[in-house]
Amino acid sequence: MKHSILAVENSVVGTWQLMSISSLVLETQETIRLYGEHPTGYIQYSPGVVFLTAGELKPPASASYTDAERADVHRAIIVGYAGTYTVEGNKVIHHILTSSRPEWIGSAQIRYFEISEKNLTIKTAPIKSERTGQDVVGTLTFERVE
């Protein structure tokens, strides 16, 4: 039994590039893509540590940012966090040590995952959208890059 648990945990280890993000609005059952068709980001699992950054980032017009451009960058970041994780079946629990969402620091964020060939699909438990205030279930799809 212990071998199969390790096999599942090891299957998430790697670097995964974000391909899509959608949110199912629980009240209306509408699927929305607040971050467009081509969000940017990565999730990286190493043995015992997780790091995620995701957003809808575009390169700045010049090498130096204006204050307005800096504010736009911060608004475009969906989330960035790091911490440890545990795997229980198809559930991965991210134990947040640092985050762009301060209310997540010290929390356990529950995610449900499925791996199919080179793709990792992660669904959130119901959460409140930081952008809309609605209760949603987020779905993030990643492709393995290493």
Protein backbone atom coordinates (compact mmCIF):
# COMPACT_ATOMS: atom_id res chain seq x y z
CA MET A 1 0.00 0.00 0.00
CA LYS A 2 2.79 2.43 0.88
CA HIS A 3 4.34 1.94 -2.57
CA SER A 4 1.15 3.05 -4.37
CA ILE A 5 0.85 6.16 -2.16
CA LEU A 6 4.43 7.10 -3.04
CA ALA A 7 3.75 6.45 -6.73
CA VAL A 8 0.79 8.86 -6.69
CA GLU A 9 2.77 11.50 -4.78
CA ASN A 10 5.74 11.12 -7.12
CA SER A 11 3.48 11.48 -10.18
CA VAL A 12 2.93 15.19 -9.40
CA VAL A 13 6.65 15.90 -8.94
CA GLY A 14 7.89 18.09 -11.76
CA THR A 15 7.43 21.45 -13.42
CA TRP A 16 4.08 22.14 -15.06
CA GLN A 17 3.21 25.08 -17.35
CA LEU A 18 -0.23 26.64 -17.02
CA MET A 19 -2.36 26.17 -20.15
CA SER A 20 -5.82 27.32 -19.03
CA ILE A 21 -7.87 28.57 -16.09
CA SER A 22 -11.63 28.57 -15.80
CA SER A 23 -14.01 29.20 -12.94
CA LEU A 24 -17.40 27.60 -12.45
CA VAL A 25 -19.67 30.13 -10.73
CA LEU A 26 -21.58 28.01 -8.23
CA GLU A 27 -24.69 30.22 -8.10
CA THR A 28 -25.28 30.32 -11.88
CA GLN A 29 -23.28 27.28 -13.08
CA GLU A 30 -21.68 29.62 -15.65
CA THR A 31 -18.07 28.93 -16.67
CA ILE A 32 -15.95 32.06 -16.97
CA ARG A 33 -12.35 32.76 -18.01
CA LEU A 34 -11.40 35.88 -16.06
CA TYR A 35 -7.76 35.54 -17.10
CA GLY A 36 -8.29 35.15 -20.84
CA GLU A 37 -7.45 32.34 -23.20
CA HIS A 38 -3.70 32.38 -22.55
CA PRO A 39 -2.88 32.82 -18.86
CA THR A 40 0.75 32.46 -17.82
CA GLY A 41 2.21 30.55 -14.93
CA TYR A 42 3.81 27.44 -13.53
CA ILE A 43 3.36 25.05 -10.68
CA GLN A 44 6.37 23.13 -9.47
CA TYR A 45 6.27 20.16 -7.14
CA SER A 46 9.54 18.88 -5.75
CA PRO A 47 9.63 16.23 -3.03
CA GLY A 48 7.76 17.94 -0.20
CA VAL A 49 7.62 21.50 -1.62
CA VAL A 50 5.14 23.27 -3.93
CA PHE A 51 5.52 26.63 -5.67
CA LEU A 52 2.83 28.24 -7.83
CA THR A 53 2.65 31.46 -9.76
CA ALA A 54 -0.09 32.29 -12.21
CA GLY A 55 -1.51 35.33 -13.90
CA GLU A 56 -2.32 37.11 -17.11
CA LEU A 57 0.96 38.92 -17.50
CA LYS A 58 2.10 40.84 -20.55
CA PRO A 59 5.57 42.32 -21.09
CA PRO A 60 5.85 46.03 -20.19
CA ALA A 61 6.08 48.63 -22.96
CA SER A 62 9.60 49.54 -21.80
CA ALA A 63 12.28 48.29 -19.43
CA SER A 64 11.10 50.65 -16.69
CA TYR A 65 7.63 50.41 -15.19
CA THR A 66 5.39 53.34 -14.43
CA ASP A 67 3.43 53.14 -11.17
CA ALA A 68 0.29 52.45 -13.22
CA GLU A 69 2.02 49.57 -15.05
CA ARG A 70 3.21 48.11 -11.72
CA ALA A 71 -0.35 48.24 -10.39
CA ASP A 72 -1.59 46.49 -13.56
CA VAL A 73 0.99 43.72 -13.08
CA HIS A 74 -0.10 43.13 -9.49
CA ARG A 75 -3.79 43.07 -10.50
CA ALA A 76 -3.00 40.55 -13.25
CA ILE A 77 -1.40 38.07 -10.85
CA ILE A 78 -3.93 35.43 -9.93
CA VAL A 79 -1.91 34.04 -7.09
CA GLY A 80 1.61 33.20 -6.10
CA TYR A 81 2.40 30.94 -3.19
CA ALA A 82 4.85 28.44 -1.79
CA GLY A 83 4.81 25.85 0.93
CA THR A 84 4.73 22.14 1.52
CA TYR A 85 2.17 19.62 0.31
CA THR A 86 0.72 16.23 1.07
CA VAL A 87 -1.11 13.87 -1.27
CA GLU A 88 -4.12 11.79 -0.23
CA GLY A 89 -5.48 9.83 -3.19
CA ASN A 90 -6.61 12.40 -5.78
CA LYS A 91 -6.37 15.24 -3.26
CA VAL A 92 -3.29 17.40 -2.82
CA ILE A 93 -3.17 19.69 0.19
CA HIS A 94 -1.00 22.78 -0.15
CA HIS A 95 0.22 23.97 3.26
CA ILE A 96 0.81 27.66 2.52
CA LEU A 97 3.91 29.30 4.03
CA THR A 98 3.93 32.48 1.91
CA SER A 99 1.37 33.87 -0.52
CA SER A 100 0.28 36.89 -2.52
CA ARG A 101 -3.04 36.36 -0.75
CA PRO A 102 -2.11 37.07 2.89
CA GLU A 103 -5.25 35.39 4.20
CA TRP A 104 -3.91 32.07 2.84
CA ILE A 105 -0.65 32.16 4.85
CA GLY A 106 -0.71 29.33 7.38
CA SER A 107 -3.73 27.70 5.75
CA ALA A 108 -4.21 24.35 4.03
CA GLN A 109 -5.56 24.81 0.50
CA ILE A 110 -7.26 21.64 -0.74
CA ARG A 111 -7.01 20.80 -4.43
CA TYR A 112 -8.18 17.79 -6.42
CA PHE A 113 -5.96 16.58 -9.23
CA GLU A 114 -5.90 14.25 -12.18
CA ILE A 115 -2.92 13.39 -14.36
CA SER A 116 -3.48 12.26 -17.94
CA GLU A 117 -0.38 11.72 -20.07
CA LYS A 118 1.43 15.10 -20.00
CA ASN A 119 -1.43 17.05 -18.42
CA LEU A 120 -2.20 17.91 -14.81
CA THR A 121 -5.70 19.19 -14.03
CA ILE A 122 -6.24 20.79 -10.64
CA LYS A 123 -9.64 21.78 -9.26
CA THR A 124 -10.13 23.89 -6.19
CA ALA A 125 -12.61 23.28 -3.45
CA PRO A 126 -15.24 26.06 -3.54
CA ILE A 127 -13.48 29.40 -2.96
CA LYS A 128 -14.42 33.06 -3.17
CA SER A 129 -13.11 34.70 -6.35
CA GLU A 130 -10.79 37.55 -5.47
CA ARG A 131 -11.88 39.39 -8.63
CA THR A 132 -15.67 38.92 -8.54
CA GLY A 133 -16.46 37.98 -4.94
CA GLN A 134 -18.50 35.01 -6.22
CA ASP A 135 -18.16 31.45 -4.92
CA VAL A 136 -16.42 29.43 -7.61
CA VAL A 137 -14.62 26.17 -8.31
CA GLY A 138 -11.47 26.90 -10.27
CA THR A 139 -9.99 24.50 -12.81
CA LEU A 140 -6.35 24.90 -13.82
CA THR A 141 -4.83 22.78 -16.58
CA PHE A 142 -1.06 22.40 -16.82
CA GLU A 143 1.30 20.64 -19.22
CA ARG A 144 4.44 18.91 -17.93
CA VAL A 145 7.62 20.67 -19.01
CA GLU A 146 10.05 18.59 -16.92
